[in-house]
């Protein structure tokens, strides 16, 4: 009797454990409503137009698929004060633009 009770508890425990591992099913409505999504109004992009000799994308930034734009990006920045990673150090006035 003790073994049967232990086996029964084990089976119930396995069922509870298996249900806990599956994600609950999403309820589907009887009639699917068609929803129209509207795009939010786009604001001006934060990217400034590129002043490169190579081609640009629609938003005005340099198109990095072209070699002329890649070479321009590798050039040293015009700032005097830079961090170790090469970006402008914003603690100085000339880099805060």
C-alpha atoms as a PDB file:
ATOM      1  CA  UNK A   1       0.000   0.000   0.000  1.00  0.00           C
ATOM      2  CA  UNK A   2       2.866   2.320   0.839  1.00  0.00           C
ATOM      3  CA  UNK A   3       4.452   1.742  -2.604  1.00  0.00           C
ATOM      4  CA  UNK A   4       1.161   2.426  -4.406  1.00  0.00           C
ATOM      5  CA  UNK A   5       0.707   5.685  -2.532  1.00  0.00           C
ATOM      6  CA  UNK A   6       4.269   6.715  -3.346  1.00  0.00           C
ATOM      7  CA  UNK A   7       3.775   5.867  -7.036  1.00  0.00           C
ATOM      8  CA  UNK A   8       0.502   7.831  -7.103  1.00  0.00           C
ATOM      9  CA  UNK A   9       2.165  10.909  -5.555  1.00  0.00           C
ATOM     10  CA  UNK A  10       5.020  10.580  -8.048  1.00  0.00           C
ATOM     11  CA  UNK A  11       2.605  10.483 -11.031  1.00  0.00           C
ATOM     12  CA  UNK A  12       0.654  13.500  -9.759  1.00  0.00           C
ATOM     13  CA  UNK A  13       3.922  15.380  -9.219  1.00  0.00           C
ATOM     14  CA  UNK A  14       5.096  14.637 -12.764  1.00  0.00           C
ATOM     15  CA  UNK A  15       1.808  15.917 -14.193  1.00  0.00           C
ATOM     16  CA  UNK A  16       2.059  19.159 -12.237  1.00  0.00           C
ATOM     17  CA  UNK A  17       5.685  19.547 -13.263  1.00  0.00           C
ATOM     18  CA  UNK A  18       4.921  18.976 -16.960  1.00  0.00           C
ATOM     19  CA  UNK A  19       2.126  21.560 -16.962  1.00  0.00           C
ATOM     20  CA  UNK A  20       4.352  24.142 -15.330  1.00  0.00           C
ATOM     21  CA  UNK A  21       6.877  23.893 -18.181  1.00  0.00           C
ATOM     22  CA  UNK A  22       4.503  24.700 -21.044  1.00  0.00           C
ATOM     23  CA  UNK A  23       3.394  28.192 -21.952  1.00  0.00           C
ATOM     24  CA  UNK A  24      -0.312  28.901 -21.561  1.00  0.00           C
ATOM     25  CA  UNK A  25      -2.239  28.882 -24.823  1.00  0.00           C
ATOM     26  CA  UNK A  26      -3.400  32.226 -26.146  1.00  0.00           C
ATOM     27  CA  UNK A  27      -7.154  32.523 -26.350  1.00  0.00           C
ATOM     28  CA  UNK A  28      -8.234  33.259 -29.894  1.00  0.00           C
ATOM     29  CA  UNK A  29     -11.334  35.399 -30.352  1.00  0.00           C
ATOM     30  CA  UNK A  30     -14.226  33.956 -32.327  1.00  0.00           C
ATOM     31  CA  UNK A  31     -14.219  36.867 -34.757  1.00  0.00           C
ATOM     32  CA  UNK A  32     -10.846  38.228 -35.699  1.00  0.00           C
ATOM     33  CA  UNK A  33     -10.958  42.000 -35.756  1.00  0.00           C
ATOM     34  CA  UNK A  34      -8.945  43.830 -38.343  1.00  0.00           C
ATOM     35  CA  UNK A  35      -6.877  46.480 -36.673  1.00  0.00           C
ATOM     36  CA  UNK A  36      -5.222  49.249 -38.547  1.00  0.00           C
ATOM     37  CA  UNK A  37      -1.918  50.398 -37.244  1.00  0.00           C
ATOM     38  CA  UNK A  38      -0.814  53.927 -37.815  1.00  0.00           C
ATOM     39  CA  UNK A  39       2.775  54.992 -37.853  1.00  0.00           C
ATOM     40  CA  UNK A  40       3.707  57.638 -35.315  1.00  0.00           C
ATOM     41  CA  UNK A  41       4.703  60.964 -36.722  1.00  0.00           C
ATOM     42  CA  UNK A  42       8.385  60.910 -37.514  1.00  0.00           C
ATOM     43  CA  UNK A  43      10.503  63.720 -36.251  1.00  0.00           C
ATOM     44  CA  UNK A  44      13.722  65.026 -37.685  1.00  0.00           C
ATOM     45  CA  UNK A  45      16.513  62.481 -37.569  1.00  0.00           C
ATOM     46  CA  UNK A  46      19.399  63.046 -35.224  1.00  0.00           C
ATOM     47  CA  UNK A  47      21.929  62.169 -37.898  1.00  0.00           C
ATOM     48  CA  UNK A  48      23.481  65.196 -39.544  1.00  0.00           C
ATOM     49  CA  UNK A  49      24.019  65.240 -43.291  1.00  0.00           C
ATOM     50  CA  UNK A  50      27.407  63.896 -44.244  1.00  0.00           C
ATOM     51  CA  UNK A  51      29.950  66.135 -45.915  1.00  0.00           C
ATOM     52  CA  UNK A  52      31.720  63.360 -47.772  1.00  0.00           C
ATOM     53  CA  UNK A  53      32.806  63.028 -51.358  1.00  0.00           C
ATOM     54  CA  UNK A  54      31.060  59.653 -51.655  1.00  0.00           C
ATOM     55  CA  UNK A  55      27.400  58.729 -51.997  1.00  0.00           C
ATOM     56  CA  UNK A  56      24.911  59.287 -49.180  1.00  0.00           C
ATOM     57  CA  UNK A  57      21.776  57.501 -47.992  1.00  0.00           C
ATOM     58  CA  UNK A  58      18.273  59.005 -48.086  1.00  0.00           C
ATOM     59  CA  UNK A  59      18.664  60.445 -44.591  1.00  0.00           C
ATOM     60  CA  UNK A  60      21.856  62.243 -45.586  1.00  0.00           C
ATOM     61  CA  UNK A  61      24.381  60.092 -43.749  1.00  0.00           C
ATOM     62  CA  UNK A  62      27.362  58.603 -45.529  1.00  0.00           C
ATOM     63  CA  UNK A  63      26.722  55.267 -47.241  1.00  0.00           C
ATOM     64  CA  UNK A  64      29.376  52.998 -45.736  1.00  0.00           C
ATOM     65  CA  UNK A  65      29.163  50.459 -48.560  1.00  0.00           C
ATOM     66  CA  UNK A  66      31.493  52.668 -50.607  1.00  0.00           C
ATOM     67  CA  UNK A  67      35.241  52.808 -50.154  1.00  0.00           C
ATOM     68  CA  UNK A  68      35.471  56.602 -50.275  1.00  0.00           C
ATOM     69  CA  UNK A  69      33.171  56.895 -47.270  1.00  0.00           C
ATOM     70  CA  UNK A  70      35.017  54.181 -45.348  1.00  0.00           C
ATOM     71  CA  UNK A  71      38.333  55.949 -45.882  1.00  0.00           C
ATOM     72  CA  UNK A  72      36.847  59.226 -44.658  1.00  0.00           C
ATOM     73  CA  UNK A  73      35.514  57.539 -41.521  1.00  0.00           C
ATOM     74  CA  UNK A  74      38.932  56.084 -40.705  1.00  0.00           C
ATOM     75  CA  UNK A  75      40.563  59.522 -40.863  1.00  0.00           C
ATOM     76  CA  UNK A  76      41.525  61.109 -37.541  1.00  0.00           C
ATOM     77  CA  UNK A  77      38.816  63.261 -35.961  1.00  0.00           C
ATOM     78  CA  UNK A  78      39.231  67.024 -36.112  1.00  0.00           C
ATOM     79  CA  UNK A  79      39.108  67.314 -32.314  1.00  0.00           C
ATOM     80  CA  UNK A  80      42.263  67.880 -30.301  1.00  0.00           C
ATOM     81  CA  UNK A  81      41.131  66.161 -27.096  1.00  0.00           C
ATOM     82  CA  UNK A  82      40.101  62.551 -27.507  1.00  0.00           C
ATOM     83  CA  UNK A  83      39.505  59.611 -25.197  1.00  0.00           C
ATOM     84  CA  UNK A  84      41.410  56.330 -25.402  1.00  0.00           C
ATOM     85  CA  UNK A  85      38.816  54.856 -27.728  1.00  0.00           C
ATOM     86  CA  UNK A  86      39.198  57.758 -30.179  1.00  0.00           C
ATOM     87  CA  UNK A  87      35.907  59.544 -29.518  1.00  0.00           C
ATOM     88  CA  UNK A  88      35.747  63.231 -28.659  1.00  0.00           C
ATOM     89  CA  UNK A  89      36.239  64.122 -24.998  1.00  0.00           C
ATOM     90  CA  UNK A  90      33.134  66.127 -24.088  1.00  0.00           C
ATOM     91  CA  UNK A  91      34.806  67.798 -21.119  1.00  0.00           C
ATOM     92  CA  UNK A  92      36.360  70.343 -23.480  1.00  0.00           C
ATOM     93  CA  UNK A  93      34.449  73.217 -25.059  1.00  0.00           C
ATOM     94  CA  UNK A  94      35.504  72.610 -28.659  1.00  0.00           C
ATOM     95  CA  UNK A  95      34.137  69.041 -28.504  1.00  0.00           C
ATOM     96  CA  UNK A  96      30.699  69.934 -27.125  1.00  0.00           C
ATOM     97  CA  UNK A  97      29.321  71.040 -30.490  1.00  0.00           C
END
